[in-house]
Amino acid sequence: MPYRLHHLEKNGPLAPRFKKRSMVTDHKIKVWNAFVDSELSDITEDDCAIFPRVLPASYLPVIEKTAHDICLFAFRLLSLPAVEIKAIIPSGPVRDFLIDELEVLKHRSGRLIGSLRLDLALVGLPEVNNPPKFLEINEIGFDGLARASMIQQTLLDLIPELQGKIIFRDTLEHELKNMQKLGTHLLRLQEDSYNWDEEHLVQSAQKKGVEIQLLCPKQFGLSPDPIDFPMMAHEKILFQNKKIVTESGFKPAAYQMSFALNLEDYQKYSPLFKQLLKSRTPAYGSFLMGLAASKIILVLMDDPFLRKKLLGSSRRLQGSLLPAFPLESELERVEKSPSKYVLKHIDGYGGELVYIGRDLIKKLKHIPPEQYREWIVQQRTRLNLFAVEGILSRPRHVISDLGVFVHYDFAHNNLQSFKVGGFITRATNKGYKVNVSGGGIQIPIVLTPANSCRDSGVSKSIPLVG
């Protein structure tokens, strides 16, 4: 697709080895073979870039500040008295079920610990006065955390002579460190399958002394195939002294949901979810976070009075926010200038229920007035372009987001620990939504240091290529 007026990022200089096309082709084959040799299930089914996206390390503090303030806003919102939360977060299908049926506000523990992925976007040059734009929060069942580390490490292994020229954050290592604050035995609840991201998570955790048990609870009423998914147990979850224990006797220090939840999931699995919420086994990634993952957070965060209340200043985050508002409040404006906006259902995820351009115009005609409250509108922006080539694709220009993985521990109204653990980009040249499931490509992100590769966190070096 032609992407007019989108900023084109300049790629970093190619390593000497890749000056000729034949060298790039040889590298592409090696990346493919490395993925196949990993024996991770279906790892080559989705396109993956053979070179990373390159950002200046000087931009890292800007990303970190933006991510920190987004998370602090969300966590402090979820720590308000229940009556205030109900008044601030408007009614919606998932919101109402979480509050009224699962009673997530009643069962708050006072601590939120886990990880999430913030979907941001670069619009223009990555400079201090141009922070990334905020698109959404993904808090349960988001993908990419383990695969980001796997892809980056593969590139490092294939070009070892250029170590020290680039830095990157090892997302998986930060995740395991954060998990261990709760213990070394975790239960990850699955439906009837898992993907290679989760395989790599479990295998890497074992090497670090962390046991992550993948479990499809019998309470889900599903029948996973033990041949196709040998790493997953299929047992009933029991509760002893209000703590989780499986039929085989596994006693996790914490539990975690592995898949993104829609309203149907919450309704279908609510008997078990209610027991989990009442248990004394903590969650790594609380059900409570479902209130912040709603697209309504875009509208709430755009409110200067709420930013003043929760962040101490209405100016914080101002440069990262695209104007957002409920559909029902500005329907005529959207109908008059649809090309200026993106239409989003408050409970959509994974690129679903997001409409742009002609699709937006068509969708508006089919939304019943009584459902207007379930939709928000965000100002449209032009995601950056850059050149990419994948294991399944030829060289091309793509629009891209900026996926930021965050590891957090929040209590007493403040972040006790917070880490931007790594990044991944999803990109496409086939439309305006960059999801990999829609034909996009996954791309690791690396940083070019000004003078050295020193980093405050766990970082590893990989070549400046692409």
Protein backbone atom coordinates (compact mmCIF):
# COMPACT_ATOMS: atom_id res chain seq x y z
CA MET A 1 0.00 0.00 0.00
CA PRO A 2 1.14 3.58 -0.54
CA TYR A 3 1.70 5.36 2.77
CA ARG A 4 1.78 9.04 1.98
CA LEU A 5 3.41 11.53 4.35
CA HIS A 6 4.63 8.84 6.75
CA HIS A 7 8.11 9.49 8.11
CA LEU A 8 10.70 7.09 6.70
CA GLU A 9 13.25 5.97 9.29
CA LYS A 10 16.84 5.61 8.18
CA ASN A 11 18.27 2.18 8.80
CA GLY A 12 21.59 1.76 10.53
CA PRO A 13 24.68 1.16 8.38
CA LEU A 14 25.07 -2.36 7.03
CA ALA A 15 27.83 -4.48 8.44
CA PRO A 16 30.58 -5.04 5.83
CA ARG A 17 29.49 -8.65 5.41
CA PHE A 18 26.13 -7.60 3.97
CA LYS A 19 27.14 -5.15 1.24
CA LYS A 20 26.24 -7.61 -1.51
CA ARG A 21 22.80 -9.02 -2.15
CA SER A 22 24.17 -12.55 -2.15
CA MET A 23 25.40 -12.01 1.42
CA VAL A 24 21.97 -10.87 2.55
CA THR A 25 20.40 -13.92 0.91
CA ASP A 26 22.87 -16.19 2.67
CA HIS A 27 22.08 -14.53 6.00
CA LYS A 28 18.36 -14.94 5.35
CA ILE A 29 18.81 -18.67 4.85
CA LYS A 30 20.85 -18.92 8.04
CA VAL A 31 18.15 -17.13 10.06
CA TRP A 32 15.53 -19.55 8.68
CA ASN A 33 17.70 -22.57 9.45
CA ALA A 34 18.40 -21.34 12.97
CA PHE A 35 14.68 -21.07 13.62
CA VAL A 36 14.07 -24.55 12.25
CA ASP A 37 16.95 -25.97 14.29
CA SER A 38 15.43 -24.54 17.47
CA GLU A 39 12.67 -27.17 17.09
CA LEU A 40 10.14 -24.71 18.48
CA SER A 41 6.68 -25.48 17.13
CA ASP A 42 5.59 -23.51 14.06
CA ILE A 43 8.30 -20.90 14.57
CA THR A 44 8.55 -20.24 10.83
CA GLU A 45 4.82 -19.78 10.24
CA ASP A 46 4.89 -16.04 10.93
CA ASP A 47 7.20 -13.71 9.06
CA CYS A 48 10.20 -12.41 10.96
CA ALA A 49 12.73 -9.76 9.96
CA ILE A 50 16.27 -10.89 9.27
CA PHE A 51 17.69 -7.57 10.50
CA PRO A 52 16.54 -5.48 13.46
CA ARG A 53 14.96 -2.08 13.59
CA VAL A 54 17.54 0.37 14.90
CA LEU A 55 16.77 3.19 17.34
CA PRO A 56 19.23 5.53 19.08
CA ALA A 57 19.98 4.70 22.70
CA SER A 58 19.43 8.38 23.48
CA TYR A 59 15.72 7.73 22.88
CA LEU A 60 15.52 5.01 25.52
CA PRO A 61 14.89 7.41 28.45
CA VAL A 62 12.01 8.95 26.47
CA ILE A 63 10.41 5.52 25.98
CA GLU A 64 10.98 4.62 29.62
CA LYS A 65 9.43 7.86 30.90
CA THR A 66 6.39 7.42 28.66
CA ALA A 67 5.91 3.78 29.67
CA HIS A 68 6.39 4.60 33.36
CA ASP A 69 3.75 7.33 33.35
CA ILE A 70 1.23 5.23 31.42
CA CYS A 71 1.59 2.40 33.90
CA LEU A 72 1.54 4.66 36.95
CA PHE A 73 -1.69 6.27 35.70
CA ALA A 74 -3.32 2.87 35.18
CA PHE A 75 -2.18 1.35 38.48
CA ARG A 76 -3.16 4.37 40.54
CA LEU A 77 -6.55 4.40 38.84
CA LEU A 78 -7.07 0.78 39.87
CA SER A 79 -6.04 1.61 43.44
CA LEU A 80 -8.72 4.24 43.98
CA PRO A 81 -11.73 3.48 46.22
CA ALA A 82 -14.20 1.23 44.43
CA VAL A 83 -16.85 3.92 44.26
CA GLU A 84 -14.45 6.24 42.43
CA ILE A 85 -13.35 3.57 39.97
CA LYS A 86 -16.97 2.82 39.13
CA ALA A 87 -17.62 6.51 38.57
CA ILE A 88 -14.52 7.10 36.43
CA ILE A 89 -14.56 3.99 34.22
CA PRO A 90 -17.82 4.08 32.25
CA SER A 91 -20.05 1.05 31.83
CA GLY A 92 -19.06 -1.50 29.21
CA PRO A 93 -19.47 -5.27 28.65
CA VAL A 94 -16.17 -6.47 30.15
CA ARG A 95 -15.96 -3.69 32.72
CA ASP A 96 -19.40 -4.54 34.09
CA PHE A 97 -18.68 -8.27 34.23
CA LEU A 98 -15.35 -7.79 35.99
CA ILE A 99 -16.83 -5.49 38.60
CA ASP A 100 -20.31 -6.94 39.08
CA GLU A 101 -19.81 -10.68 38.49
CA LEU A 102 -16.17 -11.44 39.25
CA GLU A 103 -16.00 -8.68 41.88
CA VAL A 104 -12.40 -7.79 41.05
CA LEU A 105 -12.60 -4.61 43.14
CA LYS A 106 -13.71 -6.58 46.20
CA HIS A 107 -10.80 -9.01 45.93
CA ARG A 108 -7.96 -6.51 45.45
CA SER A 109 -4.84 -7.53 47.35
CA GLY A 110 -3.13 -4.14 47.40
CA ARG A 111 -0.31 -5.35 45.16
CA LEU A 112 -0.12 -5.60 41.38
CA ILE A 113 2.79 -7.56 39.96
CA GLY A 114 3.29 -8.87 36.46
CA SER A 115 4.16 -7.76 32.97
CA LEU A 116 2.39 -6.14 30.07
CA ARG A 117 2.98 -4.86 26.58
CA LEU A 118 2.34 -1.26 25.74
CA ASP A 119 1.58 -0.64 22.09
CA LEU A 120 3.11 2.70 21.21
CA ALA A 121 4.07 4.26 17.89
CA LEU A 122 6.87 6.46 16.61
CA VAL A 123 5.62 9.34 14.50
CA GLY A 124 8.61 11.22 13.15
CA LEU A 125 12.17 11.34 14.43
CA PRO A 126 13.02 9.53 17.69
CA GLU A 127 14.05 12.65 19.57
CA VAL A 128 13.70 13.84 23.15
CA ASN A 129 10.91 16.29 22.32
CA ASN A 130 8.95 13.69 20.30
CA PRO A 131 7.80 10.92 22.65
CA PRO A 132 6.08 7.82 21.22
CA LYS A 133 2.30 7.91 20.87
CA PHE A 134 0.13 5.71 23.09
CA LEU A 135 -2.13 3.20 21.31
CA GLU A 136 -3.19 0.59 23.90
CA ILE A 137 -2.35 -1.58 26.91
CA ASN A 138 -2.11 -5.39 26.60
CA GLU A 139 -2.12 -6.96 30.05
CA ILE A 140 -3.13 -10.64 29.89
CA GLY A 141 -2.33 -13.09 27.13
CA PHE A 142 -0.24 -10.66 25.11
CA ASP A 143 2.27 -12.30 22.81
CA GLY A 144 5.88 -11.67 21.93
CA LEU A 145 7.71 -11.48 25.25
CA ALA A 146 9.74 -14.67 24.93
CA ARG A 147 9.95 -14.55 21.15
CA ALA A 148 11.51 -11.08 21.26
CA SER A 149 14.49 -12.47 23.19
CA MET A 150 14.68 -15.56 20.99
CA ILE A 151 14.76 -13.56 17.75
CA GLN A 152 17.36 -11.13 19.07
CA GLN A 153 19.61 -13.90 20.35
CA THR A 154 19.41 -15.68 17.01
CA LEU A 155 20.67 -12.59 15.20
CA LEU A 156 23.49 -12.20 17.72
CA ASP A 157 24.59 -15.80 17.26
CA LEU A 158 24.71 -15.40 13.49
CA ILE A 159 26.94 -12.30 13.51
CA PRO A 160 29.13 -12.69 16.62
CA GLU A 161 32.00 -10.50 15.32
CA LEU A 162 29.86 -7.38 15.75
CA GLN A 163 29.14 -7.82 19.44
CA GLY A 164 29.47 -4.59 21.34
CA LYS A 165 28.21 -2.46 18.49
CA ILE A 166 24.57 -2.62 19.59
CA ILE A 167 22.63 -3.03 22.84
CA PHE A 168 19.28 -4.60 23.51
CA ARG A 169 17.19 -5.50 26.50
CA ASP A 170 16.65 -9.20 27.23
CA THR A 171 12.91 -9.24 27.83
CA LEU A 172 12.76 -12.84 28.96
CA GLU A 173 15.49 -12.45 31.55
CA HIS A 174 13.71 -9.47 33.10
CA GLU A 175 10.43 -11.41 33.11
CA LEU A 176 11.92 -14.34 35.00
CA LYS A 177 13.53 -12.04 37.56
CA ASN A 178 10.22 -10.33 38.16
CA MET A 179 8.39 -13.65 38.47
CA GLN A 180 10.83 -14.86 41.10
CA LYS A 181 9.65 -12.12 43.45
CA LEU A 182 6.64 -14.39 43.98
CA GLY A 183 8.52 -17.68 43.87
CA THR A 184 10.12 -20.21 41.56
CA HIS A 185 7.03 -22.32 40.80
CA LEU A 186 4.34 -20.73 38.64
CA LEU A 187 1.16 -22.10 37.09
CA ARG A 188 0.28 -20.76 33.63
CA LEU A 189 -3.33 -21.45 32.70
CA GLN A 190 -3.90 -22.35 29.06
CA GLU A 191 -6.89 -23.24 26.94
CA ASP A 192 -6.23 -26.33 24.78
CA SER A 193 -2.98 -25.24 23.11
CA TYR A 194 0.21 -23.22 23.40
CA ASN A 195 2.59 -21.59 20.91
CA TRP A 196 6.33 -21.47 20.41
CA ASP A 197 6.59 -18.28 22.45
CA GLU A 198 5.36 -20.23 25.48
CA GLU A 199 7.57 -23.22 24.69
CA HIS A 200 10.59 -20.95 24.74
CA LEU A 201 9.39 -19.29 27.95
CA VAL A 202 9.11 -22.63 29.77
CA GLN A 203 12.41 -24.00 28.46
CA SER A 204 14.31 -20.81 29.30
CA ALA A 205 12.75 -20.65 32.75
CA GLN A 206 13.92 -24.18 33.54
CA LYS A 207 17.51 -23.15 32.79
CA LYS A 208 17.14 -20.31 35.32
CA GLY A 209 15.66 -22.52 38.03
CA VAL A 210 12.08 -21.37 37.51
CA GLU A 211 9.36 -23.96 36.93
CA ILE A 212 6.43 -22.78 34.82
CA GLN A 213 3.74 -25.44 34.54
CA LEU A 214 1.44 -25.08 31.54
CA LEU A 215 -1.98 -26.36 32.57
CA CYS A 216 -5.34 -26.66 30.86
CA PRO A 217 -7.72 -26.89 33.85
CA LYS A 218 -10.36 -29.59 33.56
CA GLN A 219 -12.82 -26.94 34.72
CA PHE A 220 -12.49 -25.37 31.24
CA GLY A 221 -14.17 -28.40 29.72
CA LEU A 222 -11.55 -28.72 26.96
CA SER A 223 -9.59 -31.73 25.71
CA PRO A 224 -6.04 -30.77 24.68
CA ASP A 225 -4.17 -33.22 22.47
CA PRO A 226 -1.27 -34.68 24.51
CA ILE A 227 0.61 -35.58 21.33
CA ASP A 228 0.47 -32.11 19.81
CA PHE A 229 1.01 -30.37 23.16
CA PRO A 230 3.19 -32.64 25.31
CA MET A 231 4.35 -29.82 27.62
CA MET A 232 0.85 -29.14 28.91
CA ALA A 233 -0.83 -30.86 31.83
CA HIS A 234 -4.59 -31.46 31.90
CA GLU A 235 -5.73 -31.55 35.50
CA LYS A 236 -8.33 -30.12 37.80
CA ILE A 237 -7.35 -27.15 39.92
CA LEU A 238 -8.07 -27.74 43.59
CA PHE A 239 -7.94 -25.35 46.52
CA GLN A 240 -6.42 -26.35 49.87
CA ASN A 241 -6.48 -23.80 52.67
CA LYS A 242 -7.53 -21.28 50.01
CA LYS A 243 -4.36 -21.93 48.03
CA ILE A 244 -4.09 -23.43 44.55
CA VAL A 245 -2.96 -27.02 44.17
CA THR A 246 -3.33 -29.27 41.13
CA GLU A 247 -4.50 -32.89 41.15
CA SER A 248 -0.90 -34.06 40.80
CA GLY A 249 0.12 -32.03 43.85
CA PHE A 250 1.78 -29.03 42.19
CA LYS A 251 1.58 -26.04 44.53
CA PRO A 252 2.39 -22.86 42.63
CA ALA A 253 3.70 -19.73 44.27
CA ALA A 254 1.59 -17.76 41.79
CA TYR A 255 -0.66 -18.26 38.79
CA GLN A 256 -0.82 -16.52 35.43
CA MET A 257 -3.33 -16.42 32.58
CA SER A 258 -1.82 -17.24 29.21
CA PHE A 259 -4.46 -16.04 26.77
CA ALA A 260 -6.27 -12.79 26.10
CA LEU A 261 -9.78 -12.80 27.53
CA ASN A 262 -12.95 -11.50 25.91
CA LEU A 263 -16.39 -11.30 27.47
CA GLU A 264 -17.29 -14.81 26.34
CA ASP A 265 -14.18 -16.20 28.04
CA TYR A 266 -14.95 -14.41 31.29
CA GLN A 267 -18.50 -15.74 31.24
CA LYS A 268 -17.56 -19.28 30.22
CA TYR A 269 -14.81 -19.72 32.79
CA SER A 270 -16.22 -17.50 35.55
CA PRO A 271 -16.75 -20.31 38.14
CA LEU A 272 -13.01 -21.05 38.16
CA PHE A 273 -12.03 -17.39 37.88
CA LYS A 274 -14.08 -16.56 40.96
CA GLN A 275 -12.26 -19.25 42.92
CA LEU A 276 -8.90 -17.95 41.70
CA LEU A 277 -9.77 -14.42 42.79
CA LYS A 278 -10.74 -15.62 46.27
CA SER A 279 -7.64 -17.78 46.68
CA ARG A 280 -4.56 -16.79 48.66
CA THR A 281 -2.30 -17.68 45.75
CA PRO A 282 -1.26 -14.39 44.13
CA ALA A 283 -1.69 -13.64 40.44
CA TYR A 284 1.18 -12.67 38.21
CA GLY A 285 -0.95 -10.34 36.11
CA SER A 286 -4.18 -9.64 37.97
CA PHE A 287 -7.69 -9.93 36.54
CA LEU A 288 -8.08 -6.38 37.85
CA MET A 289 -5.83 -5.20 35.02
CA GLY A 290 -8.64 -6.01 32.60
CA LEU A 291 -10.18 -2.68 33.58
CA ALA A 292 -7.09 -0.82 32.38
CA ALA A 293 -6.69 -2.83 29.18
CA SER A 294 -9.99 -1.49 27.87
CA LYS A 295 -9.66 1.07 25.07
CA ILE A 296 -11.53 3.46 27.35
CA ILE A 297 -8.14 4.06 29.00
CA LEU A 298 -7.29 6.18 25.94
CA VAL A 299 -10.17 8.52 26.76
CA LEU A 300 -9.45 8.58 30.49
CA MET A 301 -5.76 9.29 30.00
CA ASP A 302 -6.60 12.14 27.62
CA ASP A 303 -8.42 13.89 30.47
CA PRO A 304 -6.07 16.53 32.01
CA PHE A 305 -7.99 16.50 35.30
CA LEU A 306 -7.40 12.76 35.71
CA ARG A 307 -3.73 13.14 34.83
CA LYS A 308 -3.47 15.84 37.49
CA LYS A 309 -5.20 13.59 40.02
CA LEU A 310 -3.23 10.42 39.30
CA LEU A 311 0.14 11.72 38.06
CA GLY A 312 0.36 15.03 39.90
CA SER A 313 0.48 17.11 36.73
CA SER A 314 -1.78 17.47 33.72
CA ARG A 315 1.33 18.05 31.57
CA ARG A 316 2.65 14.54 32.09
CA LEU A 317 2.06 12.28 29.08
CA GLN A 318 0.64 15.20 27.11
CA GLY A 319 3.04 14.69 24.19
CA SER A 320 2.25 10.96 23.95
CA LEU A 321 -1.52 11.18 23.83
CA LEU A 322 -3.62 11.26 20.69
CA PRO A 323 -7.00 12.92 21.34
CA ALA A 324 -9.62 10.27 22.15
CA PHE A 325 -13.31 10.49 22.99
CA PRO A 326 -16.45 8.33 23.23
CA LEU A 327 -18.19 7.80 19.91
CA GLU A 328 -21.58 8.88 21.26
CA SER A 329 -20.27 12.33 22.21
CA GLU A 330 -18.88 13.24 18.79
CA LEU A 331 -20.68 11.06 16.27
CA GLU A 332 -21.37 13.88 13.82
CA ARG A 333 -17.74 15.01 13.82
CA VAL A 334 -16.57 11.48 13.00
CA GLU A 335 -19.16 11.07 10.25
CA LYS A 336 -18.09 14.39 8.73
CA SER A 337 -14.33 13.64 8.72
CA PRO A 338 -13.86 9.85 9.03
CA SER A 339 -10.36 9.90 7.55
CA LYS A 340 -9.07 11.73 10.64
CA TYR A 341 -10.00 9.01 13.12
CA VAL A 342 -9.67 5.38 14.21
CA LEU A 343 -12.75 3.64 15.60
CA LYS A 344 -12.10 1.13 18.42
CA HIS A 345 -14.39 -1.09 20.45
CA ILE A 346 -13.52 -0.70 24.11
CA ASP A 347 -13.12 -4.47 24.60
CA GLY A 348 -11.34 -5.34 21.35
CA TYR A 349 -7.82 -6.78 21.29
CA GLY A 350 -5.34 -8.26 18.85
CA GLY A 351 -6.33 -5.76 16.16
CA GLU A 352 -9.94 -6.93 16.25
CA LEU A 353 -12.77 -4.40 16.26
CA VAL A 354 -10.50 -1.59 15.06
CA TYR A 355 -11.67 0.29 11.98
CA ILE A 356 -9.93 2.82 9.74
CA GLY A 357 -10.81 4.52 6.47
CA ARG A 358 -13.56 2.91 4.44
CA ASP A 359 -13.99 0.18 7.04
CA LEU A 360 -14.76 2.85 9.64
CA ILE A 361 -17.44 4.40 7.44
CA LYS A 362 -19.08 1.01 6.86
CA LYS A 363 -18.93 0.06 10.54
CA LEU A 364 -20.55 3.30 11.71
CA LYS A 365 -23.63 2.42 9.68
CA HIS A 366 -24.03 -0.90 11.49
CA ILE A 367 -23.56 0.14 15.12
CA PRO A 368 -26.93 0.36 16.92
CA PRO A 369 -27.31 3.65 18.83
CA GLU A 370 -27.65 1.76 22.11
CA GLN A 371 -24.12 0.39 21.55
CA TYR A 372 -22.41 3.73 20.85
CA ARG A 373 -21.17 3.75 24.44
CA GLU A 374 -19.08 0.65 23.68
CA TRP A 375 -16.97 2.49 21.10
CA ILE A 376 -14.29 5.15 21.33
CA VAL A 377 -12.63 7.23 18.65
CA GLN A 378 -8.94 8.14 18.59
CA GLN A 379 -7.24 10.66 16.35
CA ARG A 380 -5.47 8.89 13.52
CA THR A 381 -1.73 9.26 13.16
CA ARG A 382 0.90 8.27 10.61
CA LEU A 383 3.04 5.41 11.91
CA ASN A 384 6.67 5.53 10.85
CA LEU A 385 7.89 3.67 7.79
CA PHE A 386 11.15 1.77 7.48
CA ALA A 387 12.75 -0.82 5.25
CA VAL A 388 12.49 -4.48 6.19
CA GLU A 389 13.05 -7.97 4.81
CA GLY A 390 11.71 -11.15 6.35
CA ILE A 391 12.26 -14.89 6.26
CA LEU A 392 9.00 -15.15 4.28
CA SER A 393 9.11 -11.86 2.37
CA ARG A 394 11.08 -9.62 0.05
CA PRO A 395 12.51 -6.17 0.90
CA ARG A 396 9.82 -3.52 1.31
CA HIS A 397 8.75 -0.47 3.28
CA VAL A 398 6.36 -1.11 6.16
CA ILE A 399 4.45 0.93 8.75
CA SER A 400 5.21 -0.11 12.30
CA ASP A 401 4.27 0.11 15.94
CA LEU A 402 6.58 0.06 18.96
CA GLY A 403 5.81 -2.76 21.38
CA VAL A 404 7.27 -2.04 24.81
CA PHE A 405 7.44 -4.88 27.36
CA VAL A 406 7.12 -3.72 30.95
CA HIS A 407 7.73 -5.63 34.19
CA TYR A 408 6.16 -4.06 37.27
CA ASP A 409 5.55 -4.40 40.99
CA PHE A 410 3.08 -1.84 42.31
CA ALA A 411 2.00 -1.38 45.93
CA HIS A 412 1.21 1.47 48.35
CA ASN A 413 0.18 3.69 45.44
CA ASN A 414 3.65 3.59 43.86
CA LEU A 415 5.79 1.44 41.63
CA GLN A 416 8.09 -0.54 43.91
CA SER A 417 9.96 -1.70 40.84
CA PHE A 418 9.54 -0.96 37.16
CA LYS A 419 11.50 -2.06 34.13
CA VAL A 420 11.19 -1.60 30.41
CA GLY A 421 12.48 -5.07 29.67
CA GLY A 422 12.57 -5.02 25.90
CA PHE A 423 10.86 -4.27 22.65
CA ILE A 424 9.34 -5.73 19.54
CA THR A 425 7.89 -4.15 16.42
CA ARG A 426 5.00 -5.40 14.35
CA ALA A 427 4.78 -4.01 10.85
CA THR A 428 2.96 -4.39 7.54
CA ASN A 429 2.65 -3.02 4.02
CA LYS A 430 -0.81 -4.55 3.49
CA GLY A 431 -3.05 -2.24 5.48
CA TYR A 432 -3.23 0.17 8.41
CA LYS A 433 -3.23 -2.43 11.21
CA VAL A 434 0.17 -3.93 11.95
CA ASN A 435 -0.80 -7.19 13.67
CA VAL A 436 1.28 -10.20 12.68
CA SER A 437 -1.86 -12.35 12.55
CA GLY A 438 -3.10 -10.09 9.77
CA GLY A 439 -0.13 -10.69 7.51
CA GLY A 440 2.41 -8.49 9.27
CA ILE A 441 5.98 -9.13 10.31
CA GLN A 442 7.73 -9.25 13.70
CA ILE A 443 10.94 -7.30 14.08
CA PRO A 444 13.42 -7.07 16.97
CA ILE A 445 14.54 -3.63 18.08
CA VAL A 446 18.10 -2.72 18.97
CA LEU A 447 19.71 0.48 20.18
CA THR A 448 22.83 2.28 19.00
CA PRO A 449 24.81 3.66 21.94
CA ALA A 450 26.50 7.03 21.66
CA ASN A 451 29.74 6.06 23.36
CA SER A 452 29.39 2.66 24.98
CA CYS A 453 27.10 -0.31 25.40
CA ARG A 454 26.65 0.09 29.11
CA ASP A 455 23.07 -0.23 30.26
CA SER A 456 21.32 -0.02 33.58
CA GLY A 457 19.57 -3.35 33.03
CA VAL A 458 20.32 -6.74 31.58
CA SER A 459 21.43 -5.99 28.05
CA LYS A 460 23.12 -7.90 25.31
CA SER A 461 24.82 -6.79 22.17
CA ILE A 462 23.87 -7.53 18.61
CA PRO A 463 25.11 -6.17 15.30
CA LEU A 464 24.12 -2.90 13.73
CA VAL A 465 22.62 -4.14 10.48
CA GLY A 466 19.53 -3.67 8.37
